[in-house]
Amino acid sequence: MAKIELIRANEHYAFDSTDENGVITRMDTKPEMGGEGYGARPMQLLLNALAGCTSIDVLSILEKKRQQVNDYKVVIDADREAGKEPSLWKEILLTFIISGEVSEENARRAIDLSLDKYCSVAATLRAAGAAIKYQLILNGK
């Protein structure tokens, strides 16, 4: 069972959230709502979670396929619903930038398996109505 403990870090909207392993995540809100840049906004943490979840899967799958990854990065661009409260993530585009001795077929297969089968964060976001797409840049192409 997961356990999270959140404490207020200042007199405004800054928080420190600690998980059962002692890992601290700093959170805040956007400046126009009184945030002070103390930490990440909660909705952006969902995108961070998506990038992390799928990256663990992709790198694990590529390792099992004996692909040599020299450099790896994921960039996410996302849009939220306009004029709604709550405003959910509507469209999410992940750009996987991978370099090394990796075939395009293996990279795409690893990404597809992660997004469609293994990544719980992707499944959660899809269940909330988000459309998740990706593009691959492999060895600069």
N, C-alpha and C. Protein backbone atom coordinates (compact mmCIF):
# COMPACT_ATOMS: atom_id res chain seq x y z
N MET A 1 0.83 -1.17 0.00
CA MET A 1 0.00 0.00 0.00
C MET A 1 0.89 1.24 0.00
N ALA A 2 0.56 2.18 -0.87
CA ALA A 2 1.29 3.45 -0.93
C ALA A 2 0.85 4.34 0.22
N LYS A 3 1.80 5.13 0.70
CA LYS A 3 1.48 6.09 1.76
C LYS A 3 2.20 7.39 1.44
N ILE A 4 1.46 8.47 1.47
CA ILE A 4 1.98 9.81 1.22
C ILE A 4 1.60 10.69 2.39
N GLU A 5 2.55 11.50 2.84
CA GLU A 5 2.27 12.48 3.88
C GLU A 5 2.62 13.85 3.34
N LEU A 6 1.67 14.78 3.38
CA LEU A 6 1.88 16.12 2.87
C LEU A 6 1.83 17.12 4.01
N ILE A 7 2.81 18.03 4.02
CA ILE A 7 2.81 19.10 5.03
C ILE A 7 2.92 20.44 4.31
N ARG A 8 2.36 21.44 4.93
CA ARG A 8 2.45 22.79 4.41
C ARG A 8 3.84 23.33 4.70
N ALA A 9 4.50 23.87 3.67
CA ALA A 9 5.89 24.32 3.82
C ALA A 9 6.01 25.82 4.07
N ASN A 10 4.96 26.57 3.80
CA ASN A 10 4.97 28.00 4.13
C ASN A 10 3.53 28.46 4.35
N GLU A 11 3.34 29.75 4.53
CA GLU A 11 1.99 30.24 4.84
C GLU A 11 1.12 30.38 3.59
N HIS A 12 1.63 30.00 2.43
CA HIS A 12 0.85 30.10 1.20
C HIS A 12 0.48 28.71 0.69
N TYR A 13 0.93 28.37 -0.51
CA TYR A 13 0.53 27.11 -1.14
C TYR A 13 1.71 26.20 -1.46
N ALA A 14 2.75 26.28 -0.68
CA ALA A 14 3.90 25.40 -0.85
C ALA A 14 3.72 24.18 0.04
N PHE A 15 4.02 23.01 -0.52
CA PHE A 15 3.86 21.76 0.22
C PHE A 15 5.06 20.86 -0.01
N ASP A 16 5.35 20.05 1.00
CA ASP A 16 6.32 18.96 0.87
C ASP A 16 5.54 17.67 1.06
N SER A 17 5.62 16.82 0.07
CA SER A 17 4.96 15.53 0.11
C SER A 17 6.03 14.45 0.24
N THR A 18 5.89 13.58 1.22
CA THR A 18 6.89 12.54 1.46
C THR A 18 6.25 11.17 1.30
N ASP A 19 6.91 10.31 0.51
CA ASP A 19 6.36 8.96 0.34
C ASP A 19 6.93 8.01 1.39
N GLU A 20 6.51 6.75 1.34
CA GLU A 20 6.92 5.77 2.34
C GLU A 20 8.41 5.47 2.33
N ASN A 21 9.12 5.88 1.26
CA ASN A 21 10.57 5.69 1.18
C ASN A 21 11.34 6.93 1.59
N GLY A 22 10.63 7.97 2.00
CA GLY A 22 11.28 9.20 2.42
C GLY A 22 11.59 10.17 1.29
N VAL A 23 11.11 9.88 0.09
CA VAL A 23 11.35 10.76 -1.05
C VAL A 23 10.41 11.96 -0.95
N ILE A 24 10.99 13.14 -1.03
CA ILE A 24 10.22 14.37 -0.88
C ILE A 24 9.97 15.00 -2.24
N THR A 25 8.72 15.38 -2.48
CA THR A 25 8.33 16.10 -3.68
C THR A 25 7.82 17.46 -3.24
N ARG A 26 8.36 18.50 -3.84
CA ARG A 26 7.93 19.86 -3.51
C ARG A 26 6.85 20.29 -4.49
N MET A 27 5.77 20.89 -3.96
CA MET A 27 4.66 21.34 -4.79
C MET A 27 4.27 22.77 -4.46
N ASP A 28 3.68 23.41 -5.45
CA ASP A 28 3.20 24.77 -5.32
C ASP A 28 2.12 24.97 -6.38
N THR A 29 1.55 26.13 -6.44
CA THR A 29 0.58 26.44 -7.48
C THR A 29 1.16 27.52 -8.38
N LYS A 30 0.46 27.87 -9.43
CA LYS A 30 0.96 28.88 -10.36
C LYS A 30 0.94 30.26 -9.71
N PRO A 31 1.81 31.16 -10.15
CA PRO A 31 1.92 32.48 -9.53
C PRO A 31 0.61 33.26 -9.48
N GLU A 32 -0.20 33.18 -10.50
CA GLU A 32 -1.45 33.94 -10.50
C GLU A 32 -2.45 33.44 -9.46
N MET A 33 -2.16 32.28 -8.86
CA MET A 33 -2.99 31.76 -7.78
C MET A 33 -2.29 31.87 -6.43
N GLY A 34 -1.15 32.56 -6.39
CA GLY A 34 -0.44 32.75 -5.14
C GLY A 34 0.79 31.89 -4.97
N GLY A 35 1.15 31.13 -6.00
CA GLY A 35 2.34 30.30 -5.94
C GLY A 35 3.61 31.12 -5.99
N GLU A 36 4.68 30.55 -5.46
CA GLU A 36 5.95 31.27 -5.36
C GLU A 36 7.09 30.52 -6.03
N GLY A 37 6.79 29.54 -6.87
CA GLY A 37 7.84 28.79 -7.53
C GLY A 37 8.56 27.82 -6.61
N TYR A 38 7.92 27.44 -5.52
CA TYR A 38 8.54 26.54 -4.54
C TYR A 38 8.73 25.13 -5.10
N GLY A 39 7.77 24.68 -5.90
CA GLY A 39 7.85 23.32 -6.42
C GLY A 39 6.99 23.16 -7.66
N ALA A 40 6.87 21.93 -8.10
CA ALA A 40 6.08 21.62 -9.28
C ALA A 40 4.59 21.74 -8.97
N ARG A 41 3.82 22.07 -9.99
CA ARG A 41 2.38 22.10 -9.84
C ARG A 41 1.85 20.67 -9.94
N PRO A 42 0.82 20.33 -9.21
CA PRO A 42 0.31 18.95 -9.20
C PRO A 42 -0.02 18.39 -10.59
N MET A 43 -0.63 19.17 -11.46
CA MET A 43 -0.97 18.64 -12.79
C MET A 43 0.28 18.38 -13.63
N GLN A 44 1.34 19.16 -13.44
CA GLN A 44 2.59 18.89 -14.14
C GLN A 44 3.25 17.62 -13.60
N LEU A 45 3.02 17.34 -12.33
CA LEU A 45 3.56 16.10 -11.77
C LEU A 45 2.96 14.87 -12.44
N LEU A 46 1.71 14.98 -12.91
CA LEU A 46 1.13 13.87 -13.67
C LEU A 46 1.91 13.63 -14.96
N LEU A 47 2.32 14.71 -15.62
CA LEU A 47 3.12 14.56 -16.84
C LEU A 47 4.51 14.02 -16.51
N ASN A 48 5.08 14.48 -15.41
CA ASN A 48 6.37 13.92 -14.96
C ASN A 48 6.24 12.42 -14.71
N ALA A 49 5.15 12.04 -14.08
CA ALA A 49 4.91 10.62 -13.80
C ALA A 49 4.78 9.82 -15.08
N LEU A 50 4.11 10.38 -16.07
CA LEU A 50 3.98 9.70 -17.36
C LEU A 50 5.35 9.52 -18.01
N ALA A 51 6.15 10.57 -18.02
CA ALA A 51 7.49 10.47 -18.60
C ALA A 51 8.34 9.43 -17.88
N GLY A 52 8.27 9.42 -16.55
CA GLY A 52 9.05 8.45 -15.78
C GLY A 52 8.57 7.02 -15.96
N CYS A 53 7.26 6.83 -15.91
CA CYS A 53 6.67 5.50 -16.03
C CYS A 53 7.02 4.87 -17.38
N THR A 54 6.79 5.62 -18.44
CA THR A 54 7.05 5.06 -19.77
C THR A 54 8.55 4.89 -20.01
N SER A 55 9.37 5.76 -19.43
CA SER A 55 10.82 5.64 -19.63
C SER A 55 11.38 4.40 -18.96
N ILE A 56 10.89 4.08 -17.77
CA ILE A 56 11.31 2.85 -17.11
C ILE A 56 11.00 1.65 -18.00
N ASP A 57 9.77 1.63 -18.54
CA ASP A 57 9.37 0.53 -19.43
C ASP A 57 10.23 0.47 -20.68
N VAL A 58 10.35 1.61 -21.36
CA VAL A 58 11.07 1.64 -22.65
C VAL A 58 12.51 1.21 -22.47
N LEU A 59 13.20 1.76 -21.49
CA LEU A 59 14.60 1.40 -21.29
C LEU A 59 14.76 -0.06 -20.87
N SER A 60 13.85 -0.56 -20.06
CA SER A 60 13.89 -1.96 -19.66
C SER A 60 13.70 -2.89 -20.86
N ILE A 61 12.73 -2.56 -21.69
CA ILE A 61 12.46 -3.38 -22.88
C ILE A 61 13.64 -3.34 -23.84
N LEU A 62 14.20 -2.15 -24.06
CA LEU A 62 15.34 -2.05 -24.97
C LEU A 62 16.55 -2.80 -24.43
N GLU A 63 16.75 -2.77 -23.12
CA GLU A 63 17.85 -3.52 -22.51
C GLU A 63 17.66 -5.03 -22.74
N LYS A 64 16.42 -5.50 -22.56
CA LYS A 64 16.14 -6.93 -22.77
C LYS A 64 16.35 -7.34 -24.22
N LYS A 65 16.16 -6.38 -25.14
CA LYS A 65 16.38 -6.65 -26.56
C LYS A 65 17.82 -6.37 -26.97
N ARG A 66 18.67 -6.13 -25.97
CA ARG A 66 20.11 -5.91 -26.16
C ARG A 66 20.41 -4.73 -27.10
N GLN A 67 19.61 -3.69 -26.92
CA GLN A 67 19.83 -2.45 -27.66
C GLN A 67 20.70 -1.54 -26.80
N GLN A 68 21.69 -0.89 -27.42
CA GLN A 68 22.61 -0.02 -26.69
C GLN A 68 22.12 1.43 -26.76
N VAL A 69 21.56 1.91 -25.65
CA VAL A 69 21.08 3.29 -25.57
C VAL A 69 22.21 4.15 -25.00
N ASN A 70 22.65 5.14 -25.78
CA ASN A 70 23.71 6.04 -25.33
C ASN A 70 23.16 7.31 -24.71
N ASP A 71 22.04 7.78 -25.21
CA ASP A 71 21.42 9.00 -24.69
C ASP A 71 19.92 8.85 -24.82
N TYR A 72 19.18 9.43 -23.88
CA TYR A 72 17.73 9.23 -23.84
C TYR A 72 17.07 10.45 -23.22
N LYS A 73 16.02 10.92 -23.85
CA LYS A 73 15.27 12.05 -23.32
C LYS A 73 13.83 11.95 -23.79
N VAL A 74 12.91 12.42 -22.95
CA VAL A 74 11.50 12.52 -23.33
C VAL A 74 11.06 13.96 -23.08
N VAL A 75 10.40 14.53 -24.09
CA VAL A 75 9.83 15.86 -23.98
C VAL A 75 8.32 15.71 -24.13
N ILE A 76 7.56 16.31 -23.22
CA ILE A 76 6.10 16.23 -23.29
C ILE A 76 5.53 17.61 -23.56
N ASP A 77 4.63 17.68 -24.53
CA ASP A 77 3.82 18.85 -24.80
C ASP A 77 2.38 18.42 -24.57
N ALA A 78 1.64 19.19 -23.78
CA ALA A 78 0.27 18.76 -23.46
C ALA A 78 -0.65 19.96 -23.33
N ASP A 79 -1.91 19.73 -23.63
CA ASP A 79 -2.95 20.75 -23.50
C ASP A 79 -4.04 20.24 -22.59
N ARG A 80 -4.53 21.17 -21.76
CA ARG A 80 -5.66 20.86 -20.87
C ARG A 80 -6.95 21.39 -21.46
N GLU A 81 -8.06 20.86 -20.97
CA GLU A 81 -9.36 21.33 -21.40
C GLU A 81 -9.49 22.81 -21.07
N ALA A 82 -10.03 23.57 -21.99
CA ALA A 82 -10.21 25.01 -21.77
C ALA A 82 -11.59 25.29 -21.20
N GLY A 83 -11.64 26.20 -20.25
CA GLY A 83 -12.90 26.66 -19.71
C GLY A 83 -13.67 25.66 -18.87
N LYS A 84 -12.99 24.66 -18.34
CA LYS A 84 -13.64 23.65 -17.51
C LYS A 84 -12.96 23.57 -16.15
N GLU A 85 -13.74 23.23 -15.15
CA GLU A 85 -13.20 22.94 -13.82
C GLU A 85 -13.79 21.62 -13.38
N PRO A 86 -13.04 20.61 -13.09
CA PRO A 86 -11.59 20.59 -13.21
C PRO A 86 -11.17 20.54 -14.68
N SER A 87 -9.99 21.05 -14.96
CA SER A 87 -9.45 21.09 -16.32
C SER A 87 -8.47 19.92 -16.49
N LEU A 88 -8.93 18.87 -17.15
CA LEU A 88 -8.13 17.65 -17.30
C LEU A 88 -7.19 17.76 -18.49
N TRP A 89 -6.17 16.90 -18.50
CA TRP A 89 -5.30 16.81 -19.67
C TRP A 89 -6.12 16.25 -20.82
N LYS A 90 -6.07 16.92 -21.96
CA LYS A 90 -6.86 16.52 -23.12
C LYS A 90 -5.99 15.83 -24.18
N GLU A 91 -4.89 16.47 -24.55
CA GLU A 91 -3.98 15.93 -25.56
C GLU A 91 -2.55 15.97 -25.04
N ILE A 92 -1.87 14.83 -25.16
CA ILE A 92 -0.50 14.71 -24.67
C ILE A 92 0.35 14.13 -25.79
N LEU A 93 1.45 14.82 -26.11
CA LEU A 93 2.39 14.34 -27.11
C LEU A 93 3.74 14.12 -26.43
N LEU A 94 4.22 12.89 -26.48
CA LEU A 94 5.54 12.55 -25.96
C LEU A 94 6.50 12.47 -27.13
N THR A 95 7.63 13.13 -27.02
CA THR A 95 8.69 13.00 -28.02
C THR A 95 9.84 12.26 -27.37
N PHE A 96 10.11 11.06 -27.87
CA PHE A 96 11.21 10.23 -27.38
C PHE A 96 12.43 10.53 -28.24
N ILE A 97 13.51 10.96 -27.61
CA ILE A 97 14.76 11.27 -28.31
C ILE A 97 15.79 10.27 -27.82
N ILE A 98 16.13 9.34 -28.69
CA ILE A 98 17.00 8.22 -28.31
C ILE A 98 18.18 8.17 -29.27
N SER A 99 19.37 7.96 -28.71
CA SER A 99 20.53 7.74 -29.57
C SER A 99 21.27 6.51 -29.08
N GLY A 100 21.92 5.86 -30.03
CA GLY A 100 22.68 4.66 -29.73
C GLY A 100 22.46 3.62 -30.81
N GLU A 101 22.84 2.41 -30.48
CA GLU A 101 22.66 1.30 -31.41
C GLU A 101 21.30 0.67 -31.12
N VAL A 102 20.26 1.35 -31.61
CA VAL A 102 18.88 0.98 -31.36
C VAL A 102 18.15 0.97 -32.70
N SER A 103 17.47 -0.12 -33.01
CA SER A 103 16.71 -0.15 -34.26
C SER A 103 15.39 0.59 -34.06
N GLU A 104 14.90 1.20 -35.12
CA GLU A 104 13.62 1.91 -35.04
C GLU A 104 12.50 0.95 -34.67
N GLU A 105 12.52 -0.24 -35.21
CA GLU A 105 11.49 -1.23 -34.90
C GLU A 105 11.46 -1.55 -33.41
N ASN A 106 12.63 -1.77 -32.81
CA ASN A 106 12.68 -2.08 -31.38
C ASN A 106 12.27 -0.89 -30.52
N ALA A 107 12.67 0.31 -30.92
CA ALA A 107 12.30 1.50 -30.16
C ALA A 107 10.79 1.70 -30.21
N ARG A 108 10.20 1.61 -31.39
CA ARG A 108 8.74 1.80 -31.50
C ARG A 108 7.98 0.71 -30.75
N ARG A 109 8.46 -0.50 -30.83
CA ARG A 109 7.80 -1.61 -30.13
C ARG A 109 7.85 -1.38 -28.62
N ALA A 110 8.98 -0.93 -28.11
CA ALA A 110 9.12 -0.67 -26.68
C ALA A 110 8.17 0.45 -26.24
N ILE A 111 8.09 1.51 -27.03
CA ILE A 111 7.20 2.64 -26.70
C ILE A 111 5.75 2.18 -26.75
N ASP A 112 5.38 1.46 -27.80
CA ASP A 112 4.00 0.97 -27.92
C ASP A 112 3.62 0.07 -26.75
N LEU A 113 4.51 -0.85 -26.38
CA LEU A 113 4.22 -1.74 -25.25
C LEU A 113 4.04 -0.95 -23.97
N SER A 114 4.88 0.04 -23.76
CA SER A 114 4.75 0.85 -22.55
C SER A 114 3.42 1.58 -22.53
N LEU A 115 3.14 2.34 -23.58
CA LEU A 115 1.94 3.18 -23.59
C LEU A 115 0.64 2.38 -23.64
N ASP A 116 0.67 1.24 -24.31
CA ASP A 116 -0.57 0.47 -24.50
C ASP A 116 -0.78 -0.66 -23.50
N LYS A 117 0.30 -1.09 -22.82
CA LYS A 117 0.16 -2.27 -21.97
C LYS A 117 0.69 -2.08 -20.54
N TYR A 118 1.87 -1.53 -20.38
CA TYR A 118 2.54 -1.57 -19.09
C TYR A 118 2.40 -0.32 -18.21
N CYS A 119 2.37 0.85 -18.80
CA CYS A 119 2.43 2.09 -18.02
C CYS A 119 1.08 2.43 -17.39
N SER A 120 1.01 2.29 -16.08
CA SER A 120 -0.23 2.58 -15.34
C SER A 120 -0.60 4.05 -15.40
N VAL A 121 0.38 4.92 -15.47
CA VAL A 121 0.09 6.35 -15.55
C VAL A 121 -0.60 6.66 -16.87
N ALA A 122 -0.13 6.09 -17.97
CA ALA A 122 -0.78 6.30 -19.27
C ALA A 122 -2.20 5.78 -19.23
N ALA A 123 -2.41 4.62 -18.64
CA ALA A 123 -3.76 4.05 -18.54
C ALA A 123 -4.67 4.95 -17.71
N THR A 124 -4.14 5.50 -16.64
CA THR A 124 -4.93 6.40 -15.79
C THR A 124 -5.32 7.67 -16.55
N LEU A 125 -4.36 8.25 -17.25
CA LEU A 125 -4.65 9.47 -18.01
C LEU A 125 -5.65 9.20 -19.14
N ARG A 126 -5.50 8.07 -19.81
CA ARG A 126 -6.48 7.71 -20.86
C ARG A 126 -7.87 7.51 -20.28
N ALA A 127 -7.96 6.87 -19.13
CA ALA A 127 -9.26 6.65 -18.48
C ALA A 127 -9.92 7.98 -18.13
N ALA A 128 -9.11 9.02 -17.93
CA ALA A 128 -9.64 10.34 -17.64
C ALA A 128 -9.94 11.13 -18.91
N GLY A 129 -9.72 10.51 -20.07
CA GLY A 129 -10.08 11.13 -21.35
C GLY A 129 -8.95 11.72 -22.15
N ALA A 130 -7.70 11.56 -21.72
CA ALA A 130 -6.58 12.13 -22.47
C ALA A 130 -6.24 11.27 -23.69
N ALA A 131 -5.92 11.94 -24.78
CA ALA A 131 -5.39 11.28 -25.97
C ALA A 131 -3.87 11.37 -25.89
N ILE A 132 -3.21 10.23 -25.91
CA ILE A 132 -1.75 10.20 -25.79
C ILE A 132 -1.16 9.72 -27.11
N LYS A 133 -0.27 10.54 -27.67
CA LYS A 133 0.42 10.21 -28.92
C LYS A 133 1.92 10.37 -28.67
N TYR A 134 2.71 9.82 -29.60
CA TYR A 134 4.15 9.99 -29.46
C TYR A 134 4.80 10.14 -30.81
N GLN A 135 6.02 10.68 -30.77
CA GLN A 135 6.89 10.69 -31.93
C GLN A 135 8.26 10.25 -31.47
N LEU A 136 9.04 9.72 -32.40
CA LEU A 136 10.36 9.18 -32.08
C LEU A 136 11.40 9.90 -32.92
N ILE A 137 12.44 10.38 -32.25
CA ILE A 137 13.61 10.90 -32.93
C ILE A 137 14.75 9.96 -32.54
N LEU A 138 15.22 9.20 -33.51
CA LEU A 138 16.23 8.17 -33.27
C LEU A 138 17.52 8.58 -33.96
N ASN A 139 18.57 8.74 -33.18
CA ASN A 139 19.88 9.15 -33.71
C ASN A 139 19.78 10.41 -34.56
N GLY A 140 19.00 11.37 -34.05
CA GLY A 140 18.89 12.67 -34.70
C GLY A 140 17.98 12.73 -35.91
N LYS A 141 17.28 11.65 -36.21
CA LYS A 141 16.40 11.63 -37.40
C LYS A 141 14.96 11.52 -37.02
